[in-house]
């Protein structure tokens, strides 16, 4: 499932994921908070890392400043 639309906007699911990443979290933690399966969370995180909305810190993920702005918008 795509998180970033062609026009640069993000989906509601992506907003929820980004809001959960204000502090660094592992994939399992994100999955549990959102009630989404691991495969979907991993896929979404990969897409958002590529888009510059999330950064990887070891085995944890955190929203970038750009990601936080998109989540708030």
PDB file of N, CA and C in Angstrom:
ATOM      1  N   UNK A   1       0.847  -1.185   0.000  1.00  0.00           N
ATOM      2  CA  UNK A   1       0.000   0.000   0.000  1.00  0.00           C
ATOM      3  C   UNK A   1       0.884   1.237   0.000  1.00  0.00           C
ATOM      4  N   UNK A   2       0.614   2.129  -0.919  1.00  0.00           N
ATOM      5  CA  UNK A   2       1.396   3.357  -1.026  1.00  0.00           C
ATOM      6  C   UNK A   2       1.080   4.300   0.132  1.00  0.00           C
ATOM      7  N   UNK A   3       2.108   4.970   0.611  1.00  0.00           N
ATOM      8  CA  UNK A   3       1.942   5.951   1.687  1.00  0.00           C
ATOM      9  C   UNK A   3       2.085   7.371   1.177  1.00  0.00           C
ATOM     10  N   UNK A   4       2.884   7.515   0.121  1.00  0.00           N
ATOM     11  CA  UNK A   4       3.128   8.835  -0.445  1.00  0.00           C
ATOM     12  C   UNK A   4       2.463   8.880  -1.820  1.00  0.00           C
ATOM     13  N   UNK A   5       1.555   9.821  -1.981  1.00  0.00           N
ATOM     14  CA  UNK A   5       0.849   9.973  -3.251  1.00  0.00           C
ATOM     15  C   UNK A   5       1.735  10.652  -4.285  1.00  0.00           C
ATOM     16  N   UNK A   6       1.357  10.552  -5.538  1.00  0.00           N
ATOM     17  CA  UNK A   6       2.131  11.137  -6.637  1.00  0.00           C
ATOM     18  C   UNK A   6       2.320  12.642  -6.478  1.00  0.00           C
ATOM     19  N   UNK A   7       1.364  13.313  -5.852  1.00  0.00           N
ATOM     20  CA  UNK A   7       1.471  14.766  -5.673  1.00  0.00           C
ATOM     21  C   UNK A   7       2.253  15.163  -4.419  1.00  0.00           C
ATOM     22  N   UNK A   8       2.815  14.165  -3.709  1.00  0.00           N
ATOM     23  CA  UNK A   8       3.621  14.454  -2.527  1.00  0.00           C
ATOM     24  C   UNK A   8       2.859  14.426  -1.217  1.00  0.00           C
ATOM     25  N   UNK A   9       1.536  14.372  -1.296  1.00  0.00           N
ATOM     26  CA  UNK A   9       0.755  14.261  -0.067  1.00  0.00           C
ATOM     27  C   UNK A   9       0.889  12.839   0.468  1.00  0.00           C
ATOM     28  N   UNK A  10       0.495  12.647   1.733  1.00  0.00           N
ATOM     29  CA  UNK A  10       0.584  11.321   2.327  1.00  0.00           C
ATOM     30  C   UNK A  10      -0.793  10.829   2.730  1.00  0.00           C
ATOM     31  N   UNK A  11      -0.922   9.513   2.845  1.00  0.00           N
ATOM     32  CA  UNK A  11      -2.194   8.895   3.203  1.00  0.00           C
ATOM     33  C   UNK A  11      -2.448   9.024   4.707  1.00  0.00           C
ATOM     34  N   UNK A  12      -3.669   8.738   5.107  1.00  0.00           N
ATOM     35  CA  UNK A  12      -4.024   8.771   6.530  1.00  0.00           C
ATOM     36  C   UNK A  12      -3.206   7.751   7.319  1.00  0.00           C
ATOM     37  N   UNK A  13      -2.957   6.596   6.717  1.00  0.00           N
ATOM     38  CA  UNK A  13      -2.147   5.572   7.370  1.00  0.00           C
ATOM     39  C   UNK A  13      -0.734   6.086   7.589  1.00  0.00           C
ATOM     40  N   UNK A  14      -0.177   6.756   6.591  1.00  0.00           N
ATOM     41  CA  UNK A  14       1.168   7.316   6.712  1.00  0.00           C
ATOM     42  C   UNK A  14       1.215   8.385   7.801  1.00  0.00           C
ATOM     43  N   UNK A  15       0.171   9.199   7.902  1.00  0.00           N
ATOM     44  CA  UNK A  15       0.126  10.215   8.958  1.00  0.00           C
ATOM     45  C   UNK A  15       0.172   9.568  10.332  1.00  0.00           C
ATOM     46  N   UNK A  16      -0.623   8.519  10.515  1.00  0.00           N
ATOM     47  CA  UNK A  16      -0.649   7.820  11.798  1.00  0.00           C
ATOM     48  C   UNK A  16       0.715   7.219  12.113  1.00  0.00           C
ATOM     49  N   UNK A  17       1.347   6.635  11.112  1.00  0.00           N
ATOM     50  CA  UNK A  17       2.660   6.029  11.310  1.00  0.00           C
ATOM     51  C   UNK A  17       3.676   7.106  11.687  1.00  0.00           C
ATOM     52  N   UNK A  18       3.684   8.211  10.965  1.00  0.00           N
ATOM     53  CA  UNK A  18       4.627   9.284  11.259  1.00  0.00           C
ATOM     54  C   UNK A  18       4.406   9.862  12.652  1.00  0.00           C
ATOM     55  N   UNK A  19       3.166  10.018  13.049  1.00  0.00           N
ATOM     56  CA  UNK A  19       2.870  10.543  14.393  1.00  0.00           C
ATOM     57  C   UNK A  19       3.380   9.596  15.472  1.00  0.00           C
ATOM     58  N   UNK A  20       3.363   8.298  15.192  1.00  0.00           N
ATOM     59  CA  UNK A  20       3.859   7.332  16.175  1.00  0.00           C
ATOM     60  C   UNK A  20       5.377   7.370  16.283  1.00  0.00           C
ATOM     61  N   UNK A  21       6.041   7.973  15.302  1.00  0.00           N
ATOM     62  CA  UNK A  21       7.505   7.981  15.262  1.00  0.00           C
ATOM     63  C   UNK A  21       8.116   9.299  15.727  1.00  0.00           C
ATOM     64  N   UNK A  22       7.459   9.992  16.620  1.00  0.00           N
ATOM     65  CA  UNK A  22       8.053  11.215  17.165  1.00  0.00           C
ATOM     66  C   UNK A  22       9.256  10.870  18.020  1.00  0.00           C
ATOM     67  N   UNK A  23       9.257   9.680  18.606  1.00  0.00           N
ATOM     68  CA  UNK A  23      10.426   9.130  19.294  1.00  0.00           C
ATOM     69  C   UNK A  23      10.799   7.844  18.570  1.00  0.00           C
ATOM     70  N   UNK A  24      12.066   7.449  18.594  1.00  0.00           N
ATOM     71  CA  UNK A  24      12.486   6.245  17.872  1.00  0.00           C
ATOM     72  C   UNK A  24      11.770   4.988  18.363  1.00  0.00           C
ATOM     73  N   UNK A  25      11.280   4.193  17.411  1.00  0.00           N
ATOM     74  CA  UNK A  25      10.597   2.942  17.718  1.00  0.00           C
ATOM     75  C   UNK A  25      11.057   1.850  16.766  1.00  0.00           C
ATOM     76  N   UNK A  26      11.012   0.620  17.237  1.00  0.00           N
ATOM     77  CA  UNK A  26      11.280  -0.524  16.388  1.00  0.00           C
ATOM     78  C   UNK A  26      10.032  -0.896  15.595  1.00  0.00           C
ATOM     79  N   UNK A  27      10.217  -1.733  14.587  1.00  0.00           N
ATOM     80  CA  UNK A  27       9.111  -2.144  13.719  1.00  0.00           C
ATOM     81  C   UNK A  27       7.995  -2.806  14.524  1.00  0.00           C
ATOM     82  N   UNK A  28       8.358  -3.679  15.447  1.00  0.00           N
ATOM     83  CA  UNK A  28       7.343  -4.377  16.240  1.00  0.00           C
ATOM     84  C   UNK A  28       6.528  -3.410  17.092  1.00  0.00           C
ATOM     85  N   UNK A  29       7.205  -2.389  17.640  1.00  0.00           N
ATOM     86  CA  UNK A  29       6.502  -1.391  18.451  1.00  0.00           C
ATOM     87  C   UNK A  29       5.508  -0.608  17.604  1.00  0.00           C
ATOM     88  N   UNK A  30       5.932  -0.217  16.418  1.00  0.00           N
ATOM     89  CA  UNK A  30       5.043   0.524  15.513  1.00  0.00           C
ATOM     90  C   UNK A  30       3.845  -0.350  15.139  1.00  0.00           C
ATOM     91  N   UNK A  31       4.105  -1.580  14.799  1.00  0.00           N
ATOM     92  CA  UNK A  31       3.049  -2.524  14.428  1.00  0.00           C
ATOM     93  C   UNK A  31       2.022  -2.646  15.546  1.00  0.00           C
ATOM     94  N   UNK A  32       2.504  -2.792  16.770  1.00  0.00           N
ATOM     95  CA  UNK A  32       1.603  -2.910  17.916  1.00  0.00           C
ATOM     96  C   UNK A  32       0.792  -1.659  18.172  1.00  0.00           C
ATOM     97  N   UNK A  33       1.421  -0.513  18.059  1.00  0.00           N
ATOM     98  CA  UNK A  33       0.711   0.755  18.298  1.00  0.00           C
ATOM     99  C   UNK A  33      -0.376   1.008  17.263  1.00  0.00           C
ATOM    100  N   UNK A  34      -0.069   0.661  16.012  1.00  0.00           N
ATOM    101  CA  UNK A  34      -1.016   0.942  14.936  1.00  0.00           C
ATOM    102  C   UNK A  34      -1.993  -0.197  14.676  1.00  0.00           C
ATOM    103  N   UNK A  35      -1.701  -1.379  15.224  1.00  0.00           N
ATOM    104  CA  UNK A  35      -2.556  -2.530  14.953  1.00  0.00           C
ATOM    105  C   UNK A  35      -2.448  -3.006  13.515  1.00  0.00           C
ATOM    106  N   UNK A  36      -1.271  -2.794  12.909  1.00  0.00           N
ATOM    107  CA  UNK A  36      -1.021  -3.186  11.517  1.00  0.00           C
ATOM    108  C   UNK A  36      -0.050  -4.358  11.500  1.00  0.00           C
ATOM    109  N   UNK A  37      -0.173  -5.245  10.510  1.00  0.00           N
ATOM    110  CA  UNK A  37       0.764  -6.368  10.425  1.00  0.00           C
ATOM    111  C   UNK A  37       2.187  -5.886  10.119  1.00  0.00           C
ATOM    112  N   UNK A  38       3.160  -6.656  10.580  1.00  0.00           N
ATOM    113  CA  UNK A  38       4.569  -6.301  10.388  1.00  0.00           C
ATOM    114  C   UNK A  38       4.924  -6.059   8.931  1.00  0.00           C
ATOM    115  N   UNK A  39       4.439  -6.918   8.017  1.00  0.00           N
ATOM    116  CA  UNK A  39       4.803  -6.750   6.604  1.00  0.00           C
ATOM    117  C   UNK A  39       4.349  -5.400   6.068  1.00  0.00           C
ATOM    118  N   UNK A  40       3.200  -4.936   6.497  1.00  0.00           N
ATOM    119  CA  UNK A  40       2.695  -3.647   6.024  1.00  0.00           C
ATOM    120  C   UNK A  40       3.505  -2.495   6.622  1.00  0.00           C
ATOM    121  N   UNK A  41       3.837  -2.604   7.896  1.00  0.00           N
ATOM    122  CA  UNK A  41       4.626  -1.559   8.550  1.00  0.00           C
ATOM    123  C   UNK A  41       6.012  -1.480   7.916  1.00  0.00           C
ATOM    124  N   UNK A  42       6.639  -2.624   7.684  1.00  0.00           N
ATOM    125  CA  UNK A  42       7.971  -2.628   7.052  1.00  0.00           C
ATOM    126  C   UNK A  42       7.926  -1.980   5.675  1.00  0.00           C
ATOM    127  N   UNK A  43       6.928  -2.333   4.893  1.00  0.00           N
ATOM    128  CA  UNK A  43       6.777  -1.773   3.554  1.00  0.00           C
ATOM    129  C   UNK A  43       6.581  -0.260   3.616  1.00  0.00           C
ATOM    130  N   UNK A  44       5.729   0.183   4.509  1.00  0.00           N
ATOM    131  CA  UNK A  44       5.465   1.615   4.661  1.00  0.00           C
ATOM    132  C   UNK A  44       6.719   2.354   5.102  1.00  0.00           C
ATOM    133  N   UNK A  45       7.447   1.781   6.052  1.00  0.00           N
ATOM    134  CA  UNK A  45       8.664   2.425   6.530  1.00  0.00           C
ATOM    135  C   UNK A  45       9.703   2.545   5.418  1.00  0.00           C
ATOM    136  N   UNK A  46       9.858   1.493   4.620  1.00  0.00           N
ATOM    137  CA  UNK A  46      10.812   1.559   3.494  1.00  0.00           C
ATOM    138  C   UNK A  46      10.453   2.702   2.555  1.00  0.00           C
ATOM    139  N   UNK A  47       9.170   2.799   2.229  1.00  0.00           N
ATOM    140  CA  UNK A  47       8.724   3.854   1.325  1.00  0.00           C
ATOM    141  C   UNK A  47       8.986   5.241   1.908  1.00  0.00           C
ATOM    142  N   UNK A  48       8.731   5.396   3.197  1.00  0.00           N
ATOM    143  CA  UNK A  48       8.910   6.710   3.806  1.00  0.00           C
ATOM    144  C   UNK A  48      10.370   7.055   4.034  1.00  0.00           C
ATOM    145  N   UNK A  49      11.223   6.059   4.235  1.00  0.00           N
ATOM    146  CA  UNK A  49      12.664   6.316   4.295  1.00  0.00           C
ATOM    147  C   UNK A  49      13.131   6.836   2.937  1.00  0.00           C
ATOM    148  N   UNK A  50      12.696   6.175   1.865  1.00  0.00           N
ATOM    149  CA  UNK A  50      13.069   6.606   0.509  1.00  0.00           C
ATOM    150  C   UNK A  50      12.584   8.019   0.206  1.00  0.00           C
ATOM    151  N   UNK A  51      11.443   8.391   0.765  1.00  0.00           N
ATOM    152  CA  UNK A  51      10.876   9.723   0.535  1.00  0.00           C
ATOM    153  C   UNK A  51      11.481  10.779   1.459  1.00  0.00           C
ATOM    154  N   UNK A  52      12.339  10.366   2.401  1.00  0.00           N
ATOM    155  CA  UNK A  52      12.971  11.315   3.318  1.00  0.00           C
ATOM    156  C   UNK A  52      12.095  11.725   4.488  1.00  0.00           C
ATOM    157  N   UNK A  53      11.034  10.961   4.746  1.00  0.00           N
ATOM    158  CA  UNK A  53      10.122  11.302   5.838  1.00  0.00           C
ATOM    159  C   UNK A  53      10.470  10.585   7.141  1.00  0.00           C
ATOM    160  N   UNK A  54      11.281   9.538   7.034  1.00  0.00           N
ATOM    161  CA  UNK A  54      11.680   8.725   8.189  1.00  0.00           C
ATOM    162  C   UNK A  54      13.170   8.419   8.047  1.00  0.00           C
ATOM    163  N   UNK A  55      13.867   8.368   9.183  1.00  0.00           N
ATOM    164  CA  UNK A  55      15.270   7.955   9.202  1.00  0.00           C
ATOM    165  C   UNK A  55      15.400   6.693  10.050  1.00  0.00           C
ATOM    166  N   UNK A  56      16.422   5.901   9.721  1.00  0.00           N
ATOM    167  CA  UNK A  56      16.715   4.681  10.463  1.00  0.00           C
ATOM    168  C   UNK A  56      17.882   4.969  11.390  1.00  0.00           C
ATOM    169  N   UNK A  57      17.703   4.606  12.661  1.00  0.00           N
ATOM    170  CA  UNK A  57      18.756   4.780  13.663  1.00  0.00           C
ATOM    171  C   UNK A  57      18.968   3.418  14.309  1.00  0.00           C
ATOM    172  N   UNK A  58      19.933   2.652  13.792  1.00  0.00           N
ATOM    173  CA  UNK A  58      20.133   1.285  14.278  1.00  0.00           C
ATOM    174  C   UNK A  58      18.960   0.432  13.838  1.00  0.00           C
ATOM    175  N   UNK A  59      18.209  -0.090  14.804  1.00  0.00           N
ATOM    176  CA  UNK A  59      17.027  -0.893  14.486  1.00  0.00           C
ATOM    177  C   UNK A  59      15.736  -0.137  14.793  1.00  0.00           C
ATOM    178  N   UNK A  60      15.844   1.169  14.929  1.00  0.00           N
ATOM    179  CA  UNK A  60      14.672   1.994  15.236  1.00  0.00           C
ATOM    180  C   UNK A  60      14.464   3.029  14.137  1.00  0.00           C
ATOM    181  N   UNK A  61      13.247   3.485  14.046  1.00  0.00           N
ATOM    182  CA  UNK A  61      12.851   4.465  13.035  1.00  0.00           C
ATOM    183  C   UNK A  61      12.322   5.700  13.739  1.00  0.00           C
ATOM    184  N   UNK A  62      12.558   6.861  13.095  1.00  0.00           N
ATOM    185  CA  UNK A  62      12.039   8.113  13.642  1.00  0.00           C
ATOM    186  C   UNK A  62      11.668   9.039  12.495  1.00  0.00           C
ATOM    187  N   UNK A  63      10.609   9.804  12.692  1.00  0.00           N
ATOM    188  CA  UNK A  63      10.173  10.772  11.683  1.00  0.00           C
ATOM    189  C   UNK A  63      11.197  11.897  11.579  1.00  0.00           C
ATOM    190  N   UNK A  64      11.469  12.327  10.350  1.00  0.00           N
ATOM    191  CA  UNK A  64      12.328  13.493  10.121  1.00  0.00           C
ATOM    192  C   UNK A  64      11.493  14.749  10.352  1.00  0.00           C
ATOM    193  N   UNK A  65      12.138  15.899  10.316  1.00  0.00           N
ATOM    194  CA  UNK A  65      11.389  17.153  10.447  1.00  0.00           C
ATOM    195  C   UNK A  65      10.361  17.274   9.325  1.00  0.00           C
ATOM    196  N   UNK A  66      10.746  16.888   8.116  1.00  0.00           N
ATOM    197  CA  UNK A  66       9.805  16.915   6.985  1.00  0.00           C
ATOM    198  C   UNK A  66       8.632  15.970   7.242  1.00  0.00           C
ATOM    199  N   UNK A  67       8.939  14.795   7.779  1.00  0.00           N
ATOM    200  CA  UNK A  67       7.885  13.831   8.098  1.00  0.00           C
ATOM    201  C   UNK A  67       6.930  14.371   9.156  1.00  0.00           C
ATOM    202  N   UNK A  68       7.477  15.040  10.157  1.00  0.00           N
ATOM    203  CA  UNK A  68       6.633  15.627  11.214  1.00  0.00           C
ATOM    204  C   UNK A  68       5.727  16.712  10.638  1.00  0.00           C
ATOM    205  N   UNK A  69       6.262  17.513   9.697  1.00  0.00           N
ATOM    206  CA  UNK A  69       5.446  18.552   9.065  1.00  0.00           C
ATOM    207  C   UNK A  69       4.306  17.939   8.265  1.00  0.00           C
ATOM    208  N   UNK A  70       4.612  16.889   7.505  1.00  0.00           N
ATOM    209  CA  UNK A  70       3.571  16.226   6.695  1.00  0.00           C
ATOM    210  C   UNK A  70       2.516  15.595   7.598  1.00  0.00           C
ATOM    211  N   UNK A  71       2.929  15.013   8.712  1.00  0.00           N
ATOM    212  CA  UNK A  71       1.980  14.381   9.633  1.00  0.00           C
ATOM    213  C   UNK A  71       1.051  15.413  10.261  1.00  0.00           C
ATOM    214  N   UNK A  72       1.557  16.605  10.505  1.00  0.00           N
ATOM    215  CA  UNK A  72       0.763  17.660  11.124  1.00  0.00           C
ATOM    216  C   UNK A  72      -0.174  18.340  10.135  1.00  0.00           C
ATOM    217  N   UNK A  73       0.169  18.265   8.836  1.00  0.00           N
ATOM    218  CA  UNK A  73      -0.598  18.981   7.814  1.00  0.00           C
ATOM    219  C   UNK A  73      -1.849  18.347   7.353  1.00  0.00           C
TER     220      UNK A  73
END
